[in-house]
Amino acid sequence: MNRIQFFFLLVVSLCTSCIPFQTLNSTTYIKPNDSFILGNNVHGRFSVSVTNTSVTPITLWQCPIEGGKHSPITLEPAATVKVKVNKNTALKIENDTQEQIAVQLKVHGDTGLSMGYEK
C-alpha cells in the first residue's frame, strides 16, 4: 500500500470513528410532578427525537438558559416528536402526573449537554 492510500484510509477511519459521538441515546425516567432538563448549560444547537413511552401525555418546553420558557408541545402516549433546540436553550420535559413516566431520547448535534431533574 502506498503512502497516499494509507493516508486516505487513516483519514476515513478517523472520521467514521467519531460519528457515534455526535448522537446520544437514552431512556429517561421522570418521577411524578418532576421535570427532566436537557441542556441547561452553554452549548451549541441540537435536535432531539422524543418518544413518550408512558400512558399519559407529557409537556415539552424550550427554556433559554437566561430565563423563561416557550414553544410548549404536548406529546401523547406512544407519540414521537423531533425538536430543534437553539444554542444555549434547554429542553424541559415535564411530568405533571402522579405516575412515573419514561421517554426515549435520541439527540443529534451538540451532545455536551447537562442533564438534571427539577421539582
C-alpha atoms as a PDB file:
ATOM      1  CA  MET A   1       0.000   0.000   0.000  1.00  0.00           C
ATOM      2  CA  ASN A   2       1.467   3.352  -0.926  1.00  0.00           C
ATOM      3  CA  ARG A   3       1.506   6.403   1.332  1.00  0.00           C
ATOM      4  CA  ILE A   4      -1.462   8.178  -0.317  1.00  0.00           C
ATOM      5  CA  GLN A   5      -3.720   5.142   0.069  1.00  0.00           C
ATOM      6  CA  PHE A   6      -2.607   4.673   3.670  1.00  0.00           C
ATOM      7  CA  PHE A   7      -3.231   8.345   4.480  1.00  0.00           C
ATOM      8  CA  PHE A   8      -6.687   8.224   2.840  1.00  0.00           C
ATOM      9  CA  LEU A   9      -7.590   5.078   4.792  1.00  0.00           C
ATOM     10  CA  LEU A  10      -6.408   6.665   8.038  1.00  0.00           C
ATOM     11  CA  VAL A  11      -8.461   9.850   7.472  1.00  0.00           C
ATOM     12  CA  VAL A  12     -11.613   7.878   6.590  1.00  0.00           C
ATOM     13  CA  SER A  13     -11.171   5.669   9.669  1.00  0.00           C
ATOM     14  CA  LEU A  14     -10.761   8.652  11.982  1.00  0.00           C
ATOM     15  CA  CYS A  15     -13.774  10.466  10.535  1.00  0.00           C
ATOM     16  CA  THR A  16     -16.094   7.478  10.760  1.00  0.00           C
ATOM     17  CA  SER A  17     -14.959   6.580  14.267  1.00  0.00           C
ATOM     18  CA  CYS A  18     -16.164   9.989  15.547  1.00  0.00           C
ATOM     19  CA  ILE A  19     -19.697   9.678  14.115  1.00  0.00           C
ATOM     20  CA  PRO A  20     -21.155   7.761  17.117  1.00  0.00           C
ATOM     21  CA  PHE A  21     -20.109  10.572  19.463  1.00  0.00           C
ATOM     22  CA  GLN A  22     -22.467  13.005  17.726  1.00  0.00           C
ATOM     23  CA  THR A  23     -25.527  11.013  18.822  1.00  0.00           C
ATOM     24  CA  LEU A  24     -26.819  10.393  22.320  1.00  0.00           C
ATOM     25  CA  ASN A  25     -29.458   7.724  23.033  1.00  0.00           C
ATOM     26  CA  SER A  26     -31.213   7.440  26.382  1.00  0.00           C
ATOM     27  CA  THR A  27     -34.316   6.088  28.061  1.00  0.00           C
ATOM     28  CA  THR A  28     -35.091   8.573  30.818  1.00  0.00           C
ATOM     29  CA  TYR A  29     -37.467   8.061  33.733  1.00  0.00           C
ATOM     30  CA  ILE A  30     -39.123  11.082  35.354  1.00  0.00           C
ATOM     31  CA  LYS A  31     -40.751  10.882  38.796  1.00  0.00           C
ATOM     32  CA  PRO A  32     -44.259  12.219  39.471  1.00  0.00           C
ATOM     33  CA  ASN A  33     -44.508  16.031  39.472  1.00  0.00           C
ATOM     34  CA  ASP A  34     -40.880  16.307  38.383  1.00  0.00           C
ATOM     35  CA  SER A  35     -39.117  17.577  35.235  1.00  0.00           C
ATOM     36  CA  PHE A  36     -36.053  16.488  33.289  1.00  0.00           C
ATOM     37  CA  ILE A  37     -33.887  19.304  31.899  1.00  0.00           C
ATOM     38  CA  LEU A  38     -31.598  18.599  28.925  1.00  0.00           C
ATOM     39  CA  GLY A  39     -29.022  21.269  28.043  1.00  0.00           C
ATOM     40  CA  ASN A  40     -29.270  23.804  30.869  1.00  0.00           C
ATOM     41  CA  ASN A  41     -25.711  24.937  30.125  1.00  0.00           C
ATOM     42  CA  VAL A  42     -23.795  26.848  27.440  1.00  0.00           C
ATOM     43  CA  HIS A  43     -23.887  24.729  24.266  1.00  0.00           C
ATOM     44  CA  GLY A  44     -24.491  24.752  20.523  1.00  0.00           C
ATOM     45  CA  ARG A  45     -27.644  23.782  18.649  1.00  0.00           C
ATOM     46  CA  PHE A  46     -29.015  20.268  18.899  1.00  0.00           C
ATOM     47  CA  SER A  47     -32.076  18.313  17.876  1.00  0.00           C
ATOM     48  CA  VAL A  48     -33.786  15.644  19.889  1.00  0.00           C
ATOM     49  CA  SER A  49     -36.291  12.983  18.964  1.00  0.00           C
ATOM     50  CA  VAL A  50     -38.534  12.381  21.984  1.00  0.00           C
ATOM     51  CA  THR A  51     -40.794   9.306  22.222  1.00  0.00           C
ATOM     52  CA  ASN A  52     -43.343   9.160  25.034  1.00  0.00           C
ATOM     53  CA  THR A  53     -43.309   5.512  26.148  1.00  0.00           C
ATOM     54  CA  SER A  54     -45.719   6.196  29.021  1.00  0.00           C
ATOM     55  CA  VAL A  55     -49.504   6.008  29.228  1.00  0.00           C
ATOM     56  CA  THR A  56     -50.061   9.717  29.966  1.00  0.00           C
ATOM     57  CA  PRO A  57     -49.340  12.874  27.939  1.00  0.00           C
ATOM     58  CA  ILE A  58     -46.228  14.909  28.735  1.00  0.00           C
ATOM     59  CA  THR A  59     -45.282  18.524  28.022  1.00  0.00           C
ATOM     60  CA  LEU A  60     -42.036  19.733  26.417  1.00  0.00           C
ATOM     61  CA  TRP A  61     -40.770  23.312  26.747  1.00  0.00           C
ATOM     62  CA  GLN A  62     -37.790  25.193  25.330  1.00  0.00           C
ATOM     63  CA  CYS A  63     -36.109  27.173  28.116  1.00  0.00           C
ATOM     64  CA  PRO A  64     -33.333  29.690  27.303  1.00  0.00           C
ATOM     65  CA  ILE A  65     -30.614  29.489  29.962  1.00  0.00           C
ATOM     66  CA  GLU A  66     -31.072  33.213  30.679  1.00  0.00           C
ATOM     67  CA  GLY A  67     -34.680  32.534  31.773  1.00  0.00           C
ATOM     68  CA  GLY A  68     -38.213  31.961  30.576  1.00  0.00           C
ATOM     69  CA  LYS A  69     -39.810  29.181  28.561  1.00  0.00           C
ATOM     70  CA  HIS A  70     -41.600  28.957  25.220  1.00  0.00           C
ATOM     71  CA  SER A  71     -42.880  26.663  22.444  1.00  0.00           C
ATOM     72  CA  PRO A  72     -44.860  24.119  24.502  1.00  0.00           C
ATOM     73  CA  ILE A  73     -45.520  20.730  22.915  1.00  0.00           C
ATOM     74  CA  THR A  74     -47.942  18.169  24.348  1.00  0.00           C
ATOM     75  CA  LEU A  75     -46.746  14.682  23.499  1.00  0.00           C
ATOM     76  CA  GLU A  76     -49.388  11.965  23.675  1.00  0.00           C
ATOM     77  CA  PRO A  77     -48.597   8.362  24.707  1.00  0.00           C
ATOM     78  CA  ALA A  78     -46.651   6.371  22.083  1.00  0.00           C
ATOM     79  CA  ALA A  79     -46.063   9.549  20.031  1.00  0.00           C
ATOM     80  CA  THR A  80     -42.709  10.846  18.806  1.00  0.00           C
ATOM     81  CA  VAL A  81     -41.678  14.407  18.027  1.00  0.00           C
ATOM     82  CA  LYS A  82     -38.422  15.890  16.751  1.00  0.00           C
ATOM     83  CA  VAL A  83     -37.499  19.205  18.370  1.00  0.00           C
ATOM     84  CA  LYS A  84     -34.783  21.545  17.113  1.00  0.00           C
ATOM     85  CA  VAL A  85     -33.266  23.418  20.046  1.00  0.00           C
ATOM     86  CA  ASN A  86     -31.276  26.649  19.661  1.00  0.00           C
ATOM     87  CA  LYS A  87     -27.893  27.186  21.273  1.00  0.00           C
ATOM     88  CA  ASN A  88     -27.939  27.977  24.988  1.00  0.00           C
ATOM     89  CA  THR A  89     -31.518  26.715  25.300  1.00  0.00           C
ATOM     90  CA  ALA A  90     -32.633  23.722  27.356  1.00  0.00           C
ATOM     91  CA  LEU A  91     -35.378  21.220  26.624  1.00  0.00           C
ATOM     92  CA  LYS A  92     -37.604  20.717  29.668  1.00  0.00           C
ATOM     93  CA  ILE A  93     -39.744  17.550  29.842  1.00  0.00           C
ATOM     94  CA  GLU A  94     -42.481  17.938  32.456  1.00  0.00           C
ATOM     95  CA  ASN A  95     -44.284  15.122  34.235  1.00  0.00           C
ATOM     96  CA  ASP A  96     -47.370  16.685  35.821  1.00  0.00           C
ATOM     97  CA  THR A  97     -48.906  13.303  36.683  1.00  0.00           C
ATOM     98  CA  GLN A  98     -48.933  11.122  39.782  1.00  0.00           C
ATOM     99  CA  GLU A  99     -47.120   8.314  37.933  1.00  0.00           C
ATOM    100  CA  GLN A 100     -43.509   7.845  36.857  1.00  0.00           C
ATOM    101  CA  ILE A 101     -43.090   8.336  33.118  1.00  0.00           C
ATOM    102  CA  ALA A 102     -40.472   7.210  30.623  1.00  0.00           C
ATOM    103  CA  VAL A 103     -39.235   8.878  27.449  1.00  0.00           C
ATOM    104  CA  GLN A 104     -36.772   7.728  24.827  1.00  0.00           C
ATOM    105  CA  LEU A 105     -34.353  10.447  23.689  1.00  0.00           C
ATOM    106  CA  LYS A 106     -32.172  10.473  20.599  1.00  0.00           C
ATOM    107  CA  VAL A 107     -30.012  13.615  20.499  1.00  0.00           C
ATOM    108  CA  HIS A 108     -28.068  14.857  17.463  1.00  0.00           C
ATOM    109  CA  GLY A 109     -25.725  17.836  17.198  1.00  0.00           C
ATOM    110  CA  ASP A 110     -24.022  19.242  20.274  1.00  0.00           C
ATOM    111  CA  THR A 111     -24.140  16.439  22.829  1.00  0.00           C
ATOM    112  CA  GLY A 112     -22.129  18.270  25.515  1.00  0.00           C
ATOM    113  CA  LEU A 113     -25.377  18.885  27.360  1.00  0.00           C
ATOM    114  CA  SER A 114     -26.064  18.989  31.070  1.00  0.00           C
ATOM    115  CA  MET A 115     -28.810  16.701  32.323  1.00  0.00           C
ATOM    116  CA  GLY A 116     -30.735  17.014  35.544  1.00  0.00           C
ATOM    117  CA  TYR A 117     -34.043  16.894  37.367  1.00  0.00           C
ATOM    118  CA  GLU A 118     -36.111  19.716  38.829  1.00  0.00           C
ATOM    119  CA  LYS A 119     -39.228  19.765  41.028  1.00  0.00           C
END
